[in-house]
C-alpha atoms as a PDB file:
ATOM      1  CA  UNK A   1     126.010  94.928  93.559  1.00  0.00           C
ATOM      2  CA  UNK A   2     123.793  92.275  92.054  1.00  0.00           C
ATOM      3  CA  UNK A   3     120.033  92.102  92.074  1.00  0.00           C
ATOM      4  CA  UNK A   4     118.618  89.838  94.788  1.00  0.00           C
ATOM      5  CA  UNK A   5     115.662  87.620  93.882  1.00  0.00           C
ATOM      6  CA  UNK A   6     113.568  86.152  96.693  1.00  0.00           C
ATOM      7  CA  UNK A   7     110.278  84.296  97.038  1.00  0.00           C
ATOM      8  CA  UNK A   8     107.707  85.482  99.563  1.00  0.00           C
ATOM      9  CA  UNK A   9     105.064  82.816  98.903  1.00  0.00           C
ATOM     10  CA  UNK A  10     104.016  80.034  96.574  1.00  0.00           C
ATOM     11  CA  UNK A  11     100.514  78.900  95.673  1.00  0.00           C
ATOM     12  CA  UNK A  12     100.011  75.190  95.127  1.00  0.00           C
ATOM     13  CA  UNK A  13      97.439  72.591  94.247  1.00  0.00           C
ATOM     14  CA  UNK A  14      97.123  70.045  97.033  1.00  0.00           C
ATOM     15  CA  UNK A  15      96.640  67.084  94.678  1.00  0.00           C
ATOM     16  CA  UNK A  16      97.287  67.036  90.928  1.00  0.00           C
ATOM     17  CA  UNK A  17      97.933  64.053  88.658  1.00  0.00           C
ATOM     18  CA  UNK A  18      98.995  61.845  91.562  1.00  0.00           C
ATOM     19  CA  UNK A  19     101.377  64.453  92.968  1.00  0.00           C
ATOM     20  CA  UNK A  20     100.884  66.499  96.138  1.00  0.00           C
ATOM     21  CA  UNK A  21     101.485  70.210  96.770  1.00  0.00           C
ATOM     22  CA  UNK A  22     102.136  71.082  93.126  1.00  0.00           C
ATOM     23  CA  UNK A  23     103.368  74.685  92.925  1.00  0.00           C
ATOM     24  CA  UNK A  24     101.454  76.717  90.340  1.00  0.00           C
ATOM     25  CA  UNK A  25     102.314  80.326  91.243  1.00  0.00           C
ATOM     26  CA  UNK A  26     105.444  81.967  92.628  1.00  0.00           C
ATOM     27  CA  UNK A  27     105.269  85.353  94.381  1.00  0.00           C
ATOM     28  CA  UNK A  28     108.692  86.920  93.806  1.00  0.00           C
ATOM     29  CA  UNK A  29     110.580  90.065  94.745  1.00  0.00           C
ATOM     30  CA  UNK A  30     113.682  91.484  93.105  1.00  0.00           C
ATOM     31  CA  UNK A  31     115.662  94.158  94.918  1.00  0.00           C
ATOM     32  CA  UNK A  32     118.981  95.950  94.823  1.00  0.00           C
ATOM     33  CA  UNK A  33     120.749  98.482  97.043  1.00  0.00           C
ATOM     34  CA  UNK A  34     123.560 100.772  95.973  1.00  0.00           C
ATOM     35  CA  UNK A  35     124.870 102.887  98.824  1.00  0.00           C
ATOM     36  CA  UNK A  36     121.898 104.679 100.380  1.00  0.00           C
ATOM     37  CA  UNK A  37     119.655 104.077  97.352  1.00  0.00           C
ATOM     38  CA  UNK A  38     117.487 101.062  96.682  1.00  0.00           C
ATOM     39  CA  UNK A  39     114.837  99.780  94.336  1.00  0.00           C
ATOM     40  CA  UNK A  40     112.575  96.767  94.166  1.00  0.00           C
ATOM     41  CA  UNK A  41     109.846  95.063  92.220  1.00  0.00           C
ATOM     42  CA  UNK A  42     107.261  92.501  93.328  1.00  0.00           C
ATOM     43  CA  UNK A  43     105.176  90.211  91.190  1.00  0.00           C
ATOM     44  CA  UNK A  44     103.692  86.795  90.629  1.00  0.00           C
ATOM     45  CA  UNK A  45     104.159  84.337  87.828  1.00  0.00           C
ATOM     46  CA  UNK A  46     102.223  81.209  86.970  1.00  0.00           C
ATOM     47  CA  UNK A  47     104.007  77.925  86.390  1.00  0.00           C
ATOM     48  CA  UNK A  48     103.215  75.206  83.899  1.00  0.00           C
ATOM     49  CA  UNK A  49     102.170  71.824  85.275  1.00  0.00           C
ATOM     50  CA  UNK A  50     105.275  69.786  86.063  1.00  0.00           C
ATOM     51  CA  UNK A  51     106.515  67.393  83.432  1.00  0.00           C
ATOM     52  CA  UNK A  52     109.500  65.137  83.837  1.00  0.00           C
ATOM     53  CA  UNK A  53     111.128  65.429  87.234  1.00  0.00           C
ATOM     54  CA  UNK A  54     109.017  66.612  90.167  1.00  0.00           C
ATOM     55  CA  UNK A  55     110.375  68.320  93.272  1.00  0.00           C
ATOM     56  CA  UNK A  56     108.565  67.339  96.455  1.00  0.00           C
ATOM     57  CA  UNK A  57     107.268  70.247  98.556  1.00  0.00           C
ATOM     58  CA  UNK A  58     109.702  69.560 101.427  1.00  0.00           C
ATOM     59  CA  UNK A  59     112.631  69.556  98.988  1.00  0.00           C
ATOM     60  CA  UNK A  60     111.909  72.917  97.327  1.00  0.00           C
ATOM     61  CA  UNK A  61     114.518  75.528  98.173  1.00  0.00           C
ATOM     62  CA  UNK A  62     114.212  79.253  97.625  1.00  0.00           C
ATOM     63  CA  UNK A  63     116.888  78.983  94.941  1.00  0.00           C
ATOM     64  CA  UNK A  64     114.782  76.379  93.136  1.00  0.00           C
ATOM     65  CA  UNK A  65     111.653  78.546  93.359  1.00  0.00           C
ATOM     66  CA  UNK A  66     113.554  81.626  92.142  1.00  0.00           C
ATOM     67  CA  UNK A  67     114.815  79.554  89.216  1.00  0.00           C
ATOM     68  CA  UNK A  68     111.256  78.507  88.362  1.00  0.00           C
ATOM     69  CA  UNK A  69     110.045  82.111  88.562  1.00  0.00           C
ATOM     70  CA  UNK A  70     112.848  83.451  86.368  1.00  0.00           C
ATOM     71  CA  UNK A  71     112.366  80.670  83.821  1.00  0.00           C
ATOM     72  CA  UNK A  72     108.617  81.365  83.694  1.00  0.00           C
ATOM     73  CA  UNK A  73     109.219  85.104  83.295  1.00  0.00           C
ATOM     74  CA  UNK A  74     111.803  84.569  80.567  1.00  0.00           C
ATOM     75  CA  UNK A  75     115.164  86.238  80.044  1.00  0.00           C
ATOM     76  CA  UNK A  76     113.702  89.409  78.494  1.00  0.00           C
ATOM     77  CA  UNK A  77     111.314  90.058  81.400  1.00  0.00           C
ATOM     78  CA  UNK A  78     113.995  89.300  83.998  1.00  0.00           C
ATOM     79  CA  UNK A  79     116.323  91.786  82.268  1.00  0.00           C
ATOM     80  CA  UNK A  80     113.528  94.385  82.031  1.00  0.00           C
ATOM     81  CA  UNK A  81     112.708  93.979  85.733  1.00  0.00           C
ATOM     82  CA  UNK A  82     116.344  94.420  86.728  1.00  0.00           C
ATOM     83  CA  UNK A  83     116.703  97.447  84.397  1.00  0.00           C
ATOM     84  CA  UNK A  84     113.607  99.054  85.951  1.00  0.00           C
ATOM     85  CA  UNK A  85     115.113  98.603  89.412  1.00  0.00           C
ATOM     86  CA  UNK A  86     118.374 100.160  88.230  1.00  0.00           C
ATOM     87  CA  UNK A  87     116.327 103.100  86.914  1.00  0.00           C
ATOM     88  CA  UNK A  88     114.611 103.466  90.317  1.00  0.00           C
ATOM     89  CA  UNK A  89     118.011 103.606  91.999  1.00  0.00           C
ATOM     90  CA  UNK A  90     119.357 106.126  89.487  1.00  0.00           C
ATOM     91  CA  UNK A  91     116.275 108.343  89.983  1.00  0.00           C
ATOM     92  CA  UNK A  92     116.630 108.154  93.756  1.00  0.00           C
ATOM     93  CA  UNK A  93     120.335 109.036  93.539  1.00  0.00           C
ATOM     94  CA  UNK A  94     119.788 111.902  91.057  1.00  0.00           C
ATOM     95  CA  UNK A  95     116.138 113.007  91.144  1.00  0.00           C
ATOM     96  CA  UNK A  96     114.674 114.574  88.023  1.00  0.00           C
ATOM     97  CA  UNK A  97     111.371 115.606  89.631  1.00  0.00           C
ATOM     98  CA  UNK A  98     110.202 116.868  92.968  1.00  0.00           C
ATOM     99  CA  UNK A  99     107.038 117.746  94.853  1.00  0.00           C
ATOM    100  CA  UNK A 100     106.038 120.092  97.583  1.00  0.00           C
ATOM    101  CA  UNK A 101     104.993 123.652  98.194  1.00  0.00           C
ATOM    102  CA  UNK A 102     107.206 126.741  98.439  1.00  0.00           C
ATOM    103  CA  UNK A 103     105.929 127.911 101.840  1.00  0.00           C
END
């Protein structure tokens, strides 16, 4: 099963350099489920001011926003995030620690 990246919110500047609703922060979540075990990570990433082509607010799709977030994070951080989620799932499937009391 692949990791699923979603966007829960975006922060934007209402007016910037003649453009409206310019996205400057993406709030993302990455999750994965394997059988009964799951893991996830949530974070935010800032975006550079747009240069070149500009996507109007109404035309932004979740896939576009996820692409922006992953590009801003960089390949190494995306891979590290996904590896951490895989580790969460592995720990849930085969715990190495516990807590509680014996009574």
